[in-house]
Structure formats: structure tokens, C-alpha cells
Amino acid sequence: MIKKIIRFEEVSSTQDTARRFVHSNEELAIVAFSQKRGRGRQRRVWYSPSGGIYLSLILFPQVRLTSIPFLAALTVIKVLEDFGFSRLSILWPNDVLLNNRKV
């Protein structure tokens, strides 16, 4: 369970920042409101303007790693539903869609 969240206004990327903390052996959430060099799967450029919330997690899971992206997407959907959003879906592996647009 994540007990610590480290917040930044801007980072190069949350993944790069997470790498600096991975040896602490703590499960952490790295959150930024802007990324200068965000990237997605297969190192694709990830547009990360100010005003968004960008997140990387450091986990030491007891479940199969391949299930984590899907579980993360389901968690985001649950939170959005709690806020009254509907017509949500998942685009594999972990993109959450609202009315067929990425959230």
C-alpha cells in the first residue's frame, strides 16, 4: 500500500523522478502537474501540459506485474464514477476513456 506521495510542480518525467527513489524500498507515488519530457509506451512522446496530473508509482507487488496497469485503470474509473462520471471505458493497457476520449 502506498503511504507516501511526493509532489512536484514540474519534472522531466515522473518515471525519471521515480528512478531516483526506487532504492529507498518504499512504495511511493510520484505526482507532477507538468512534465517536460513525458513518454508513454515504447518511449512515445507524451504531451504533458501544465494543469494535468501525471503519476508514476513505485510498487513491490505481490500480484503479477502485467495486471497492475489494468488495475490502475479500474481504480481511476472507480474514482471517476464516485464523482458522477459515466460512459467510461479502458483502452488497453491503461488508458481511461470518457465518451471515447482519453482522460
PDB file of N, CA and C in Angstrom:
ATOM      1  N   MET A   1       0.839  -1.172   0.000  1.00  0.00           N
ATOM      2  CA  MET A   1       0.000   0.000   0.000  1.00  0.00           C
ATOM      3  C   MET A   1       0.893   1.247   0.000  1.00  0.00           C
ATOM      4  N   ILE A   2       0.538   2.184  -0.832  1.00  0.00           N
ATOM      5  CA  ILE A   2       1.308   3.420  -0.914  1.00  0.00           C
ATOM      6  C   ILE A   2       0.960   4.303   0.270  1.00  0.00           C
ATOM      7  N   LYS A   3       1.992   4.695   1.003  1.00  0.00           N
ATOM      8  CA  LYS A   3       1.788   5.540   2.177  1.00  0.00           C
ATOM      9  C   LYS A   3       2.407   6.910   2.005  1.00  0.00           C
ATOM     10  N   LYS A   4       3.130   7.114   0.913  1.00  0.00           N
ATOM     11  CA  LYS A   4       3.825   8.383   0.737  1.00  0.00           C
ATOM     12  C   LYS A   4       3.636   8.883  -0.691  1.00  0.00           C
ATOM     13  N   ILE A   5       3.282  10.157  -0.810  1.00  0.00           N
ATOM     14  CA  ILE A   5       3.134  10.816  -2.106  1.00  0.00           C
ATOM     15  C   ILE A   5       4.132  11.957  -2.150  1.00  0.00           C
ATOM     16  N   ILE A   6       4.941  11.968  -3.208  1.00  0.00           N
ATOM     17  CA  ILE A   6       5.901  13.051  -3.395  1.00  0.00           C
ATOM     18  C   ILE A   6       5.413  13.877  -4.573  1.00  0.00           C
ATOM     19  N   ARG A   7       5.175  15.163  -4.323  1.00  0.00           N
ATOM     20  CA  ARG A   7       4.539  16.046  -5.301  1.00  0.00           C
ATOM     21  C   ARG A   7       5.545  17.057  -5.850  1.00  0.00           C
ATOM     22  N   PHE A   8       5.440  17.287  -7.169  1.00  0.00           N
ATOM     23  CA  PHE A   8       6.282  18.260  -7.848  1.00  0.00           C
ATOM     24  C   PHE A   8       5.406  19.119  -8.743  1.00  0.00           C
ATOM     25  N   GLU A   9       5.757  20.372  -8.907  1.00  0.00           N
ATOM     26  CA  GLU A   9       5.064  21.217  -9.875  1.00  0.00           C
ATOM     27  C   GLU A   9       5.416  20.775 -11.289  1.00  0.00           C
ATOM     28  N   GLU A  10       6.730  20.535 -11.542  1.00  0.00           N
ATOM     29  CA  GLU A  10       7.187  20.133 -12.878  1.00  0.00           C
ATOM     30  C   GLU A  10       8.393  19.217 -12.738  1.00  0.00           C
ATOM     31  N   VAL A  11       8.448  18.196 -13.572  1.00  0.00           N
ATOM     32  CA  VAL A  11       9.585  17.271 -13.620  1.00  0.00           C
ATOM     33  C   VAL A  11       9.932  17.018 -15.074  1.00  0.00           C
ATOM     34  N   SER A  12      11.110  16.428 -15.308  1.00  0.00           N
ATOM     35  CA  SER A  12      11.421  15.998 -16.673  1.00  0.00           C
ATOM     36  C   SER A  12      10.409  14.921 -17.056  1.00  0.00           C
ATOM     37  N   SER A  13      10.281  13.905 -16.216  1.00  0.00           N
ATOM     38  CA  SER A  13       9.211  12.913 -16.336  1.00  0.00           C
ATOM     39  C   SER A  13       9.038  12.262 -14.976  1.00  0.00           C
ATOM     40  N   THR A  14       7.842  11.809 -14.674  1.00  0.00           N
ATOM     41  CA  THR A  14       7.621  11.164 -13.378  1.00  0.00           C
ATOM     42  C   THR A  14       8.402   9.859 -13.302  1.00  0.00           C
ATOM     43  N   GLN A  15       8.580   9.184 -14.435  1.00  0.00           N
ATOM     44  CA  GLN A  15       9.367   7.942 -14.435  1.00  0.00           C
ATOM     45  C   GLN A  15      10.827   8.219 -14.091  1.00  0.00           C
ATOM     46  N   ASP A  16      11.415   9.266 -14.697  1.00  0.00           N
ATOM     47  CA  ASP A  16      12.798   9.626 -14.369  1.00  0.00           C
ATOM     48  C   ASP A  16      12.925   9.960 -12.887  1.00  0.00           C
ATOM     49  N   THR A  17      11.969  10.691 -12.357  1.00  0.00           N
ATOM     50  CA  THR A  17      11.992  11.071 -10.951  1.00  0.00           C
ATOM     51  C   THR A  17      11.830   9.842 -10.059  1.00  0.00           C
ATOM     52  N   ALA A  18      10.942   8.936 -10.429  1.00  0.00           N
ATOM     53  CA  ALA A  18      10.735   7.714  -9.643  1.00  0.00           C
ATOM     54  C   ALA A  18      12.024   6.891  -9.554  1.00  0.00           C
ATOM     55  N   ARG A  19      12.785   6.862 -10.616  1.00  0.00           N
ATOM     56  CA  ARG A  19      14.039   6.093 -10.604  1.00  0.00           C
ATOM     57  C   ARG A  19      14.993   6.583  -9.507  1.00  0.00           C
ATOM     58  N   ARG A  20      14.926   7.865  -9.177  1.00  0.00           N
ATOM     59  CA  ARG A  20      15.797   8.403  -8.120  1.00  0.00           C
ATOM     60  C   ARG A  20      15.406   7.876  -6.741  1.00  0.00           C
ATOM     61  N   PHE A  21      14.153   7.426  -6.587  1.00  0.00           N
ATOM     62  CA  PHE A  21      13.647   6.996  -5.285  1.00  0.00           C
ATOM     63  C   PHE A  21      13.513   5.480  -5.145  1.00  0.00           C
ATOM     64  N   VAL A  22      13.705   4.730  -6.205  1.00  0.00           N
ATOM     65  CA  VAL A  22      13.392   3.296  -6.179  1.00  0.00           C
ATOM     66  C   VAL A  22      14.242   2.525  -5.169  1.00  0.00           C
ATOM     67  N   HIS A  23      15.439   2.974  -4.897  1.00  0.00           N
ATOM     68  CA  HIS A  23      16.312   2.247  -3.967  1.00  0.00           C
ATOM     69  C   HIS A  23      15.957   2.484  -2.505  1.00  0.00           C
ATOM     70  N   SER A  24      14.992   3.340  -2.248  1.00  0.00           N
ATOM     71  CA  SER A  24      14.554   3.576  -0.870  1.00  0.00           C
ATOM     72  C   SER A  24      13.721   2.407  -0.341  1.00  0.00           C
ATOM     73  N   ASN A  25      13.312   1.507  -1.253  1.00  0.00           N
ATOM     74  CA  ASN A  25      12.478   0.353  -0.907  1.00  0.00           C
ATOM     75  C   ASN A  25      11.147   0.753  -0.277  1.00  0.00           C
ATOM     76  N   GLU A  26      10.677   1.963  -0.595  1.00  0.00           N
ATOM     77  CA  GLU A  26       9.367   2.424  -0.150  1.00  0.00           C
ATOM     78  C   GLU A  26       8.422   2.423  -1.335  1.00  0.00           C
ATOM     79  N   GLU A  27       7.181   2.084  -1.087  1.00  0.00           N
ATOM     80  CA  GLU A  27       6.179   2.222  -2.130  1.00  0.00           C
ATOM     81  C   GLU A  27       5.735   3.676  -2.127  1.00  0.00           C
ATOM     82  N   LEU A  28       5.926   4.341  -3.264  1.00  0.00           N
ATOM     83  CA  LEU A  28       5.688   5.777  -3.379  1.00  0.00           C
ATOM     84  C   LEU A  28       4.841   6.101  -4.593  1.00  0.00           C
ATOM     85  N   ALA A  29       4.172   7.236  -4.523  1.00  0.00           N
ATOM     86  CA  ALA A  29       3.527   7.835  -5.686  1.00  0.00           C
ATOM     87  C   ALA A  29       4.297   9.105  -6.004  1.00  0.00           C
ATOM     88  N   ILE A  30       4.734   9.239  -7.235  1.00  0.00           N
ATOM     89  CA  ILE A  30       5.400  10.445  -7.718  1.00  0.00           C
ATOM     90  C   ILE A  30       4.379  11.184  -8.573  1.00  0.00           C
ATOM     91  N   VAL A  31       4.000  12.385  -8.143  1.00  0.00           N
ATOM     92  CA  VAL A  31       2.961  13.160  -8.813  1.00  0.00           C
ATOM     93  C   VAL A  31       3.553  14.483  -9.282  1.00  0.00           C
ATOM     94  N   ALA A  32       3.232  14.861 -10.514  1.00  0.00           N
ATOM     95  CA  ALA A  32       3.659  16.164 -11.042  1.00  0.00           C
ATOM     96  C   ALA A  32       2.489  16.783 -11.793  1.00  0.00           C
ATOM     97  N   PHE A  33       2.506  18.112 -11.852  1.00  0.00           N
ATOM     98  CA  PHE A  33       1.453  18.831 -12.564  1.00  0.00           C
ATOM     99  C   PHE A  33       1.887  19.230 -13.963  1.00  0.00           C
ATOM    100  N   SER A  34       3.142  18.927 -14.310  1.00  0.00           N
ATOM    101  CA  SER A  34       3.652  19.161 -15.657  1.00  0.00           C
ATOM    102  C   SER A  34       4.899  18.305 -15.838  1.00  0.00           C
ATOM    103  N   GLN A  35       5.086  17.794 -17.056  1.00  0.00           N
ATOM    104  CA  GLN A  35       6.290  17.046 -17.416  1.00  0.00           C
ATOM    105  C   GLN A  35       6.904  17.696 -18.645  1.00  0.00           C
ATOM    106  N   LYS A  36       8.213  17.857 -18.633  1.00  0.00           N
ATOM    107  CA  LYS A  36       8.884  18.435 -19.801  1.00  0.00           C
ATOM    108  C   LYS A  36       9.177  17.380 -20.859  1.00  0.00           C
ATOM    109  N   ARG A  37       9.446  16.142 -20.418  1.00  0.00           N
ATOM    110  CA  ARG A  37       9.802  15.083 -21.354  1.00  0.00           C
ATOM    111  C   ARG A  37       9.070  13.783 -21.010  1.00  0.00           C
ATOM    112  N   GLY A  38       7.760  13.887 -20.829  1.00  0.00           N
ATOM    113  CA  GLY A  38       6.987  12.693 -20.545  1.00  0.00           C
ATOM    114  C   GLY A  38       7.025  11.737 -21.726  1.00  0.00           C
ATOM    115  N   ARG A  39       6.847  10.463 -21.442  1.00  0.00           N
ATOM    116  CA  ARG A  39       6.820   9.481 -22.526  1.00  0.00           C
ATOM    117  C   ARG A  39       5.895   8.334 -22.142  1.00  0.00           C
ATOM    118  N   GLY A  40       5.351   7.711 -23.166  1.00  0.00           N
ATOM    119  CA  GLY A  40       4.439   6.595 -22.964  1.00  0.00           C
ATOM    120  C   GLY A  40       5.116   5.290 -23.298  1.00  0.00           C
ATOM    121  N   ARG A  41       4.296   4.310 -23.638  1.00  0.00           N
ATOM    122  CA  ARG A  41       4.832   3.001 -24.000  1.00  0.00           C
ATOM    123  C   ARG A  41       5.730   3.132 -25.219  1.00  0.00           C
ATOM    124  N   GLN A  42       6.720   2.275 -25.273  1.00  0.00           N
ATOM    125  CA  GLN A  42       7.682   2.237 -26.388  1.00  0.00           C
ATOM    126  C   GLN A  42       8.332   3.609 -26.597  1.00  0.00           C
ATOM    127  N   ARG A  43       8.470   4.343 -25.472  1.00  0.00           N
ATOM    128  CA  ARG A  43       9.155   5.636 -25.446  1.00  0.00           C
ATOM    129  C   ARG A  43       8.505   6.685 -26.358  1.00  0.00           C
ATOM    130  N   ARG A  44       7.216   6.533 -26.632  1.00  0.00           N
ATOM    131  CA  ARG A  44       6.498   7.537 -27.421  1.00  0.00           C
ATOM    132  C   ARG A  44       6.403   8.832 -26.629  1.00  0.00           C
ATOM    133  N   VAL A  45       6.475   9.950 -27.329  1.00  0.00           N
ATOM    134  CA  VAL A  45       6.378  11.255 -26.679  1.00  0.00           C
ATOM    135  C   VAL A  45       5.001  11.390 -26.038  1.00  0.00           C
ATOM    136  N   TRP A  46       4.979  11.902 -24.822  1.00  0.00           N
ATOM    137  CA  TRP A  46       3.746  12.076 -24.073  1.00  0.00           C
ATOM    138  C   TRP A  46       3.585  13.555 -23.798  1.00  0.00           C
ATOM    139  N   TYR A  47       2.598  14.174 -24.400  1.00  0.00           N
ATOM    140  CA  TYR A  47       2.333  15.599 -24.204  1.00  0.00           C
ATOM    141  C   TYR A  47       1.772  15.783 -22.798  1.00  0.00           C
ATOM    142  N   SER A  48       2.440  16.562 -21.976  1.00  0.00           N
ATOM    143  CA  SER A  48       2.088  16.696 -20.570  1.00  0.00           C
ATOM    144  C   SER A  48       2.017  18.162 -20.155  1.00  0.00           C
ATOM    145  N   PRO A  49       1.027  18.888 -20.625  1.00  0.00           N
ATOM    146  CA  PRO A  49       0.971  20.321 -20.318  1.00  0.00           C
ATOM    147  C   PRO A  49       0.649  20.592 -18.850  1.00  0.00           C
ATOM    148  N   SER A  50       0.944  21.780 -18.425  1.00  0.00           N
ATOM    149  CA  SER A  50       0.599  22.213 -17.084  1.00  0.00           C
ATOM    150  C   SER A  50      -0.914  22.138 -16.914  1.00  0.00           C
ATOM    151  N   GLY A  51      -1.334  21.777 -15.716  1.00  0.00           N
ATOM    152  CA  GLY A  51      -2.761  21.665 -15.439  1.00  0.00           C
ATOM    153  C   GLY A  51      -3.239  20.234 -15.389  1.00  0.00           C
ATOM    154  N   GLY A  52      -2.399  19.302 -15.813  1.00  0.00           N
ATOM    155  CA  GLY A  52      -2.740  17.892 -15.715  1.00  0.00           C
ATOM    156  C   GLY A  52      -2.195  17.309 -14.424  1.00  0.00           C
ATOM    157  N   ILE A  53      -2.427  16.038 -14.228  1.00  0.00           N
ATOM    158  CA  ILE A  53      -1.828  15.310 -13.108  1.00  0.00           C
ATOM    159  C   ILE A  53      -1.165  14.083 -13.714  1.00  0.00           C
ATOM    160  N   TYR A  54       0.137  13.978 -13.522  1.00  0.00           N
ATOM    161  CA  TYR A  54       0.935  12.899 -14.097  1.00  0.00           C
ATOM    162  C   TYR A  54       1.519  12.099 -12.947  1.00  0.00           C
ATOM    163  N   LEU A  55       1.482  10.781 -13.058  1.00  0.00           N
ATOM    164  CA  LEU A  55       1.747   9.920 -11.918  1.00  0.00           C
ATOM    165  C   LEU A  55       2.588   8.722 -12.314  1.00  0.00           C
ATOM    166  N   SER A  56       3.569   8.414 -11.488  1.00  0.00           N
ATOM    167  CA  SER A  56       4.292   7.148 -11.560  1.00  0.00           C
ATOM    168  C   SER A  56       4.286   6.547 -10.163  1.00  0.00           C
ATOM    169  N   LEU A  57       4.176   5.233 -10.112  1.00  0.00           N
ATOM    170  CA  LEU A  57       4.150   4.526  -8.837  1.00  0.00           C
ATOM    171  C   LEU A  57       5.373   3.641  -8.701  1.00  0.00           C
ATOM    172  N   ILE A  58       5.891   3.563  -7.497  1.00  0.00           N
ATOM    173  CA  ILE A  58       6.922   2.585  -7.159  1.00  0.00           C
ATOM    174  C   ILE A  58       6.223   1.557  -6.282  1.00  0.00           C
ATOM    175  N   LEU A  59       6.124   0.345  -6.801  1.00  0.00           N
ATOM    176  CA  LEU A  59       5.415  -0.726  -6.099  1.00  0.00           C
ATOM    177  C   LEU A  59       6.303  -1.954  -5.977  1.00  0.00           C
ATOM    178  N   PHE A  60       6.056  -2.716  -4.967  1.00  0.00           N
ATOM    179  CA  PHE A  60       6.690  -4.010  -4.783  1.00  0.00           C
ATOM    180  C   PHE A  60       5.551  -5.020  -4.640  1.00  0.00           C
ATOM    181  N   PRO A  61       4.897  -5.334  -5.768  1.00  0.00           N
ATOM    182  CA  PRO A  61       3.625  -6.062  -5.729  1.00  0.00           C
ATOM    183  C   PRO A  61       3.764  -7.544  -5.406  1.00  0.00           C
ATOM    184  N   GLN A  62       2.684  -8.041  -4.865  1.00  0.00           N
ATOM    185  CA  GLN A  62       2.566  -9.470  -4.622  1.00  0.00           C
ATOM    186  C   GLN A  62       1.700 -10.119  -5.708  1.00  0.00           C
ATOM    187  N   VAL A  63       1.292  -9.322  -6.700  1.00  0.00           N
ATOM    188  CA  VAL A  63       0.488  -9.830  -7.815  1.00  0.00           C
ATOM    189  C   VAL A  63       1.335  -9.766  -9.078  1.00  0.00           C
ATOM    190  N   ARG A  64       0.845 -10.382 -10.122  1.00  0.00           N
ATOM    191  CA  ARG A  64       1.569 -10.347 -11.395  1.00  0.00           C
ATOM    192  C   ARG A  64       1.691  -8.919 -11.895  1.00  0.00           C
ATOM    193  N   LEU A  65       2.875  -8.533 -12.320  1.00  0.00           N
ATOM    194  CA  LEU A  65       3.111  -7.176 -12.797  1.00  0.00           C
ATOM    195  C   LEU A  65       2.242  -6.816 -13.986  1.00  0.00           C
ATOM    196  N   THR A  66       1.905  -7.782 -14.823  1.00  0.00           N
ATOM    197  CA  THR A  66       1.096  -7.478 -16.007  1.00  0.00           C
ATOM    198  C   THR A  66      -0.302  -7.023 -15.640  1.00  0.00           C
ATOM    199  N   SER A  67      -0.765  -7.290 -14.427  1.00  0.00           N
ATOM    200  CA  SER A  67      -2.120  -6.889 -14.036  1.00  0.00           C
ATOM    201  C   SER A  67      -2.170  -5.469 -13.474  1.00  0.00           C
ATOM    202  N   ILE A  68      -1.036  -4.874 -13.126  1.00  0.00           N
ATOM    203  CA  ILE A  68      -1.023  -3.558 -12.483  1.00  0.00           C
ATOM    204  C   ILE A  68      -1.597  -2.456 -13.373  1.00  0.00           C
ATOM    205  N   PRO A  69      -1.212  -2.340 -14.663  1.00  0.00           N
ATOM    206  CA  PRO A  69      -1.811  -1.265 -15.479  1.00  0.00           C
ATOM    207  C   PRO A  69      -3.329  -1.365 -15.548  1.00  0.00           C
ATOM    208  N   PHE A  70      -3.839  -2.568 -15.695  1.00  0.00           N
ATOM    209  CA  PHE A  70      -5.279  -2.757 -15.772  1.00  0.00           C
ATOM    210  C   PHE A  70      -5.941  -2.407 -14.438  1.00  0.00           C
ATOM    211  N   LEU A  71      -5.340  -2.827 -13.328  1.00  0.00           N
ATOM    212  CA  LEU A  71      -5.882  -2.494 -12.004  1.00  0.00           C
ATOM    213  C   LEU A  71      -5.855  -0.987 -11.771  1.00  0.00           C
ATOM    214  N   ALA A  72      -4.812  -0.321 -12.251  1.00  0.00           N
ATOM    215  CA  ALA A  72      -4.735   1.140 -12.115  1.00  0.00           C
ATOM    216  C   ALA A  72      -5.873   1.807 -12.883  1.00  0.00           C
ATOM    217  N   ALA A  73      -6.120   1.350 -14.105  1.00  0.00           N
ATOM    218  CA  ALA A  73      -7.205   1.918 -14.905  1.00  0.00           C
ATOM    219  C   ALA A  73      -8.556   1.681 -14.235  1.00  0.00           C
ATOM    220  N   LEU A  74      -8.764   0.493 -13.695  1.00  0.00           N
ATOM    221  CA  LEU A  74     -10.016   0.218 -12.986  1.00  0.00           C
ATOM    222  C   LEU A  74     -10.180   1.136 -11.772  1.00  0.00           C
ATOM    223  N   THR A  75      -9.084   1.405 -11.078  1.00  0.00           N
ATOM    224  CA  THR A  75      -9.138   2.294  -9.917  1.00  0.00           C
ATOM    225  C   THR A  75      -9.516   3.709 -10.327  1.00  0.00           C
ATOM    226  N   VAL A  76      -8.940   4.197 -11.413  1.00  0.00           N
ATOM    227  CA  VAL A  76      -9.273   5.533 -11.916  1.00  0.00           C
ATOM    228  C   VAL A  76     -10.750   5.593 -12.293  1.00  0.00           C
ATOM    229  N   ILE A  77     -11.243   4.558 -12.953  1.00  0.00           N
ATOM    230  CA  ILE A  77     -12.660   4.509 -13.326  1.00  0.00           C
ATOM    231  C   ILE A  77     -13.543   4.555 -12.081  1.00  0.00           C
ATOM    232  N   LYS A  78     -13.187   3.798 -11.055  1.00  0.00           N
ATOM    233  CA  LYS A  78     -13.972   3.792  -9.822  1.00  0.00           C
ATOM    234  C   LYS A  78     -14.018   5.187  -9.198  1.00  0.00           C
ATOM    235  N   VAL A  79     -12.900   5.870  -9.156  1.00  0.00           N
ATOM    236  CA  VAL A  79     -12.857   7.229  -8.589  1.00  0.00           C
ATOM    237  C   VAL A  79     -13.726   8.172  -9.418  1.00  0.00           C
ATOM    238  N   LEU A  80     -13.603   8.099 -10.741  1.00  0.00           N
ATOM    239  CA  LEU A  80     -14.409   8.974 -11.602  1.00  0.00           C
ATOM    240  C   LEU A  80     -15.899   8.684 -11.455  1.00  0.00           C
ATOM    241  N   GLU A  81     -16.256   7.404 -11.320  1.00  0.00           N
ATOM    242  CA  GLU A  81     -17.663   7.068 -11.095  1.00  0.00           C
ATOM    243  C   GLU A  81     -18.155   7.641  -9.769  1.00  0.00           C
ATOM    244  N   ASP A  82     -17.299   7.624  -8.753  1.00  0.00           N
ATOM    245  CA  ASP A  82     -17.666   8.203  -7.456  1.00  0.00           C
ATOM    246  C   ASP A  82     -17.935   9.701  -7.571  1.00  0.00           C
ATOM    247  N   PHE A  83     -17.324  10.346  -8.572  1.00  0.00           N
ATOM    248  CA  PHE A  83     -17.545  11.772  -8.813  1.00  0.00           C
ATOM    249  C   PHE A  83     -18.687  12.014  -9.806  1.00  0.00           C
ATOM    250  N   GLY A  84     -19.382  10.952 -10.193  1.00  0.00           N
ATOM    251  CA  GLY A  84     -20.556  11.102 -11.026  1.00  0.00           C
ATOM    252  C   GLY A  84     -20.342  10.928 -12.522  1.00  0.00           C
ATOM    253  N   PHE A  85     -19.127  10.611 -12.947  1.00  0.00           N
ATOM    254  CA  PHE A  85     -18.887  10.409 -14.370  1.00  0.00           C
ATOM    255  C   PHE A  85     -19.380   9.029 -14.790  1.00  0.00           C
ATOM    256  N   SER A  86     -19.822   8.941 -16.041  1.00  0.00           N
ATOM    257  CA  SER A  86     -20.257   7.654 -16.592  1.00  0.00           C
ATOM    258  C   SER A  86     -19.729   7.555 -18.024  1.00  0.00           C
ATOM    259  N   ARG A  87     -20.095   6.491 -18.699  1.00  0.00           N
ATOM    260  CA  ARG A  87     -19.614   6.229 -20.067  1.00  0.00           C
ATOM    261  C   ARG A  87     -18.091   6.145 -20.101  1.00  0.00           C
ATOM    262  N   LEU A  88     -17.526   5.445 -19.114  1.00  0.00           N
ATOM    263  CA  LEU A  88     -16.088   5.258 -19.006  1.00  0.00           C
ATOM    264  C   LEU A  88     -15.705   3.893 -19.559  1.00  0.00           C
ATOM    265  N   SER A  89     -14.525   3.826 -20.142  1.00  0.00           N
ATOM    266  CA  SER A  89     -14.023   2.558 -20.652  1.00  0.00           C
ATOM    267  C   SER A  89     -12.501   2.564 -20.584  1.00  0.00           C
ATOM    268  N   ILE A  90     -11.921   1.413 -20.895  1.00  0.00           N
ATOM    269  CA  ILE A  90     -10.465   1.263 -20.865  1.00  0.00           C
ATOM    270  C   ILE A  90      -9.964   0.919 -22.257  1.00  0.00           C
ATOM    271  N   LEU A  91      -8.907   1.608 -22.677  1.00  0.00           N
ATOM    272  CA  LEU A  91      -8.178   1.275 -23.891  1.00  0.00           C
ATOM    273  C   LEU A  91      -6.882   0.642 -23.429  1.00  0.00           C
ATOM    274  N   TRP A  92      -6.680  -0.621 -23.754  1.00  0.00           N
ATOM    275  CA  TRP A  92      -5.541  -1.391 -23.259  1.00  0.00           C
ATOM    276  C   TRP A  92      -4.235  -0.660 -23.524  1.00  0.00           C
ATOM    277  N   PRO A  93      -3.305  -0.630 -22.564  1.00  0.00           N
ATOM    278  CA  PRO A  93      -3.336  -1.354 -21.295  1.00  0.00           C
ATOM    279  C   PRO A  93      -3.915  -0.554 -20.141  1.00  0.00           C
ATOM    280  N   ASN A  94      -3.871   0.788 -20.190  1.00  0.00           N
ATOM    281  CA  ASN A  94      -4.331   1.515 -19.009  1.00  0.00           C
ATOM    282  C   ASN A  94      -4.902   2.895 -19.298  1.00  0.00           C
ATOM    283  N   ASP A  95      -5.246   3.172 -20.533  1.00  0.00           N
ATOM    284  CA  ASP A  95      -5.847   4.478 -20.844  1.00  0.00           C
ATOM    285  C   ASP A  95      -7.321   4.441 -20.449  1.00  0.00           C
ATOM    286  N   VAL A  96      -7.751   5.460 -19.732  1.00  0.00           N
ATOM    287  CA  VAL A  96      -9.151   5.576 -19.344  1.00  0.00           C
ATOM    288  C   VAL A  96      -9.814   6.548 -20.325  1.00  0.00           C
ATOM    289  N   LEU A  97     -10.939   6.126 -20.873  1.00  0.00           N
ATOM    290  CA  LEU A  97     -11.682   6.934 -21.832  1.00  0.00           C
ATOM    291  C   LEU A  97     -13.003   7.387 -21.222  1.00  0.00           C
ATOM    292  N   LEU A  98     -13.336   8.619 -21.499  1.00  0.00           N
ATOM    293  CA  LEU A  98     -14.618   9.216 -21.115  1.00  0.00           C
ATOM    294  C   LEU A  98     -15.258   9.701 -22.401  1.00  0.00           C
ATOM    295  N   ASN A  99     -16.409   9.121 -22.751  1.00  0.00           N
ATOM    296  CA  ASN A  99     -17.060   9.440 -24.034  1.00  0.00           C
ATOM    297  C   ASN A  99     -16.077   9.255 -25.195  1.00  0.00           C
ATOM    298  N   ASN A 100     -15.316   8.167 -25.147  1.00  0.00           N
ATOM    299  CA  ASN A 100     -14.352   7.773 -26.184  1.00  0.00           C
ATOM    300  C   ASN A 100     -13.187   8.736 -26.342  1.00  0.00           C
ATOM    301  N   ARG A 101     -12.894   9.563 -25.320  1.00  0.00           N
ATOM    302  CA  ARG A 101     -11.725  10.458 -25.320  1.00  0.00           C
ATOM    303  C   ARG A 101     -10.879  10.161 -24.107  1.00  0.00           C
ATOM    304  N   LYS A 102      -9.574  10.220 -24.278  1.00  0.00           N
ATOM    305  CA  LYS A 102      -8.669   9.945 -23.156  1.00  0.00           C
ATOM    306  C   LYS A 102      -8.851  10.939 -22.034  1.00  0.00           C
ATOM    307  N   VAL A 103      -8.862  10.417 -20.831  1.00  0.00           N
ATOM    308  CA  VAL A 103      -8.936  11.265 -19.633  1.00  0.00           C
ATOM    309  C   VAL A 103      -7.526  11.650 -19.265  1.00  0.00           C
TER     310      VAL A 103
END
